[in-house]
Amino acid sequence: MPLVIVAIGVILLLLLMIRFKMNGFIALVLVALAVGLMQGMPLDKVIGSIKAGVGGTLGSLALIMGFGAMLGKMLADCGGAQRIATTPDREIW
């Protein structure tokens, strides 16, 4: 039965994102809430589980994304991004 509920969650996620054009993050949170409740978890445990999962993921990615944004800004300011974008075109053709 738990696999059926997870399959329903995946279908619901795809439906929300493709058919209703919902933002992926919002759709994922709503589906996580629905799957947790369908599994029989109490609402406070479901919300705590979602917070822990999202917080752990964002906490580990924040540093990587921050450094990536800084590197991208430096490349854009010095013209490196333009060079990276145009060089493969010239070299291949």
C-alpha atoms as a PDB file:
ATOM      1  CA  MET A   1       0.000   0.000   0.000  1.00  0.00           C
ATOM      2  CA  PRO A   2       2.790   2.534   0.708  1.00  0.00           C
ATOM      3  CA  LEU A   3       4.107   2.118  -2.852  1.00  0.00           C
ATOM      4  CA  VAL A   4       0.648   2.834  -4.239  1.00  0.00           C
ATOM      5  CA  ILE A   5       0.496   6.033  -2.190  1.00  0.00           C
ATOM      6  CA  VAL A   6       3.939   7.078  -3.435  1.00  0.00           C
ATOM      7  CA  ALA A   7       2.859   6.338  -7.034  1.00  0.00           C
ATOM      8  CA  ILE A   8      -0.244   8.478  -6.500  1.00  0.00           C
ATOM      9  CA  GLY A   9       2.034  11.217  -5.165  1.00  0.00           C
ATOM     10  CA  VAL A  10       4.258  11.095  -8.250  1.00  0.00           C
ATOM     11  CA  ILE A  11       1.238  11.236 -10.552  1.00  0.00           C
ATOM     12  CA  LEU A  12      -0.202  14.128  -8.540  1.00  0.00           C
ATOM     13  CA  LEU A  13       3.117  15.978  -8.716  1.00  0.00           C
ATOM     14  CA  LEU A  14       3.308  15.574 -12.482  1.00  0.00           C
ATOM     15  CA  LEU A  15      -0.322  16.629 -12.852  1.00  0.00           C
ATOM     16  CA  LEU A  16       0.166  19.778 -10.784  1.00  0.00           C
ATOM     17  CA  MET A  17       3.290  20.793 -12.657  1.00  0.00           C
ATOM     18  CA  ILE A  18       2.345  19.850 -16.225  1.00  0.00           C
ATOM     19  CA  ARG A  19      -1.405  20.328 -16.396  1.00  0.00           C
ATOM     20  CA  PHE A  20      -1.846  23.192 -13.928  1.00  0.00           C
ATOM     21  CA  LYS A  21       1.593  24.812 -14.516  1.00  0.00           C
ATOM     22  CA  MET A  22       2.236  25.057 -10.771  1.00  0.00           C
ATOM     23  CA  ASN A  23       5.653  26.061  -9.472  1.00  0.00           C
ATOM     24  CA  GLY A  24       7.726  22.938  -8.842  1.00  0.00           C
ATOM     25  CA  PHE A  25       8.652  23.801  -5.256  1.00  0.00           C
ATOM     26  CA  ILE A  26       5.065  24.553  -4.240  1.00  0.00           C
ATOM     27  CA  ALA A  27       3.784  21.417  -5.970  1.00  0.00           C
ATOM     28  CA  LEU A  28       6.449  19.311  -4.255  1.00  0.00           C
ATOM     29  CA  VAL A  29       5.546  20.667  -0.812  1.00  0.00           C
ATOM     30  CA  LEU A  30       1.824  20.090  -1.417  1.00  0.00           C
ATOM     31  CA  VAL A  31       2.408  16.542  -2.643  1.00  0.00           C
ATOM     32  CA  ALA A  32       4.718  15.798   0.299  1.00  0.00           C
ATOM     33  CA  LEU A  33       1.980  17.008   2.634  1.00  0.00           C
ATOM     34  CA  ALA A  34      -0.645  14.897   0.862  1.00  0.00           C
ATOM     35  CA  VAL A  35       1.507  11.745   0.803  1.00  0.00           C
ATOM     36  CA  GLY A  36       2.381  12.132   4.476  1.00  0.00           C
ATOM     37  CA  LEU A  37      -1.268  12.486   5.423  1.00  0.00           C
ATOM     38  CA  MET A  38      -2.267   9.532   3.209  1.00  0.00           C
ATOM     39  CA  GLN A  39       0.397   7.434   4.958  1.00  0.00           C
ATOM     40  CA  GLY A  40      -1.334   8.147   8.259  1.00  0.00           C
ATOM     41  CA  MET A  41       1.186  10.557   9.757  1.00  0.00           C
ATOM     42  CA  PRO A  42      -0.172  13.270  12.058  1.00  0.00           C
ATOM     43  CA  LEU A  43      -0.151  16.758  10.546  1.00  0.00           C
ATOM     44  CA  ASP A  44       2.489  18.112  12.939  1.00  0.00           C
ATOM     45  CA  LYS A  45       4.840  15.206  12.120  1.00  0.00           C
ATOM     46  CA  VAL A  46       4.319  15.721   8.376  1.00  0.00           C
ATOM     47  CA  ILE A  47       5.128  19.426   8.622  1.00  0.00           C
ATOM     48  CA  GLY A  48       8.166  18.714  10.805  1.00  0.00           C
ATOM     49  CA  SER A  49       9.405  16.120   8.346  1.00  0.00           C
ATOM     50  CA  ILE A  50       9.009  18.504   5.401  1.00  0.00           C
ATOM     51  CA  LYS A  51      10.813  21.278   7.300  1.00  0.00           C
ATOM     52  CA  ALA A  52      13.678  18.972   8.222  1.00  0.00           C
ATOM     53  CA  GLY A  53      14.040  17.682   4.656  1.00  0.00           C
ATOM     54  CA  VAL A  54      13.882  21.073   2.964  1.00  0.00           C
ATOM     55  CA  GLY A  55      16.076  22.684   5.610  1.00  0.00           C
ATOM     56  CA  GLY A  56      18.732  20.000   5.315  1.00  0.00           C
ATOM     57  CA  THR A  57      18.788  20.194   1.538  1.00  0.00           C
ATOM     58  CA  LEU A  58      18.850  23.980   1.354  1.00  0.00           C
ATOM     59  CA  GLY A  59      21.442  24.179   4.113  1.00  0.00           C
ATOM     60  CA  SER A  60      23.894  22.024   2.198  1.00  0.00           C
ATOM     61  CA  LEU A  61      23.194  23.695  -1.145  1.00  0.00           C
ATOM     62  CA  ALA A  62      23.273  27.304   0.044  1.00  0.00           C
ATOM     63  CA  LEU A  63      27.062  27.484   0.180  1.00  0.00           C
ATOM     64  CA  ILE A  64      27.481  25.865  -3.244  1.00  0.00           C
ATOM     65  CA  MET A  65      24.863  28.129  -4.819  1.00  0.00           C
ATOM     66  CA  GLY A  66      26.383  31.208  -3.201  1.00  0.00           C
ATOM     67  CA  PHE A  67      29.850  30.423  -4.543  1.00  0.00           C
ATOM     68  CA  GLY A  68      28.378  29.610  -7.947  1.00  0.00           C
ATOM     69  CA  ALA A  69      26.566  32.941  -8.048  1.00  0.00           C
ATOM     70  CA  MET A  70      29.754  34.799  -7.122  1.00  0.00           C
ATOM     71  CA  LEU A  71      31.745  32.957  -9.786  1.00  0.00           C
ATOM     72  CA  GLY A  72      29.056  33.663 -12.393  1.00  0.00           C
ATOM     73  CA  LYS A  73      29.010  37.360 -11.516  1.00  0.00           C
ATOM     74  CA  MET A  74      32.806  37.573 -11.774  1.00  0.00           C
ATOM     75  CA  LEU A  75      32.733  35.816 -15.162  1.00  0.00           C
ATOM     76  CA  ALA A  76      30.012  38.138 -16.440  1.00  0.00           C
ATOM     77  CA  ASP A  77      31.815  41.276 -15.240  1.00  0.00           C
ATOM     78  CA  CYS A  78      35.135  40.397 -16.870  1.00  0.00           C
ATOM     79  CA  GLY A  79      33.626  39.163 -20.138  1.00  0.00           C
ATOM     80  CA  GLY A  80      34.423  35.523 -19.513  1.00  0.00           C
ATOM     81  CA  ALA A  81      30.813  34.416 -19.895  1.00  0.00           C
ATOM     82  CA  GLN A  82      30.628  35.926 -23.380  1.00  0.00           C
ATOM     83  CA  ARG A  83      33.924  34.271 -24.289  1.00  0.00           C
ATOM     84  CA  ILE A  84      32.740  30.880 -23.008  1.00  0.00           C
ATOM     85  CA  ALA A  85      29.501  31.242 -24.960  1.00  0.00           C
ATOM     86  CA  THR A  86      31.114  32.165 -28.283  1.00  0.00           C
ATOM     87  CA  THR A  87      34.335  30.103 -28.304  1.00  0.00           C
ATOM     88  CA  PRO A  88      32.802  26.633 -28.835  1.00  0.00           C
ATOM     89  CA  ASP A  89      30.862  28.015 -31.785  1.00  0.00           C
ATOM     90  CA  ARG A  90      34.047  29.182 -33.498  1.00  0.00           C
ATOM     91  CA  GLU A  91      36.126  26.140 -32.626  1.00  0.00           C
ATOM     92  CA  ILE A  92      33.623  23.493 -33.717  1.00  0.00           C
ATOM     93  CA  TRP A  93      32.457  25.069 -36.978  1.00  0.00           C
END
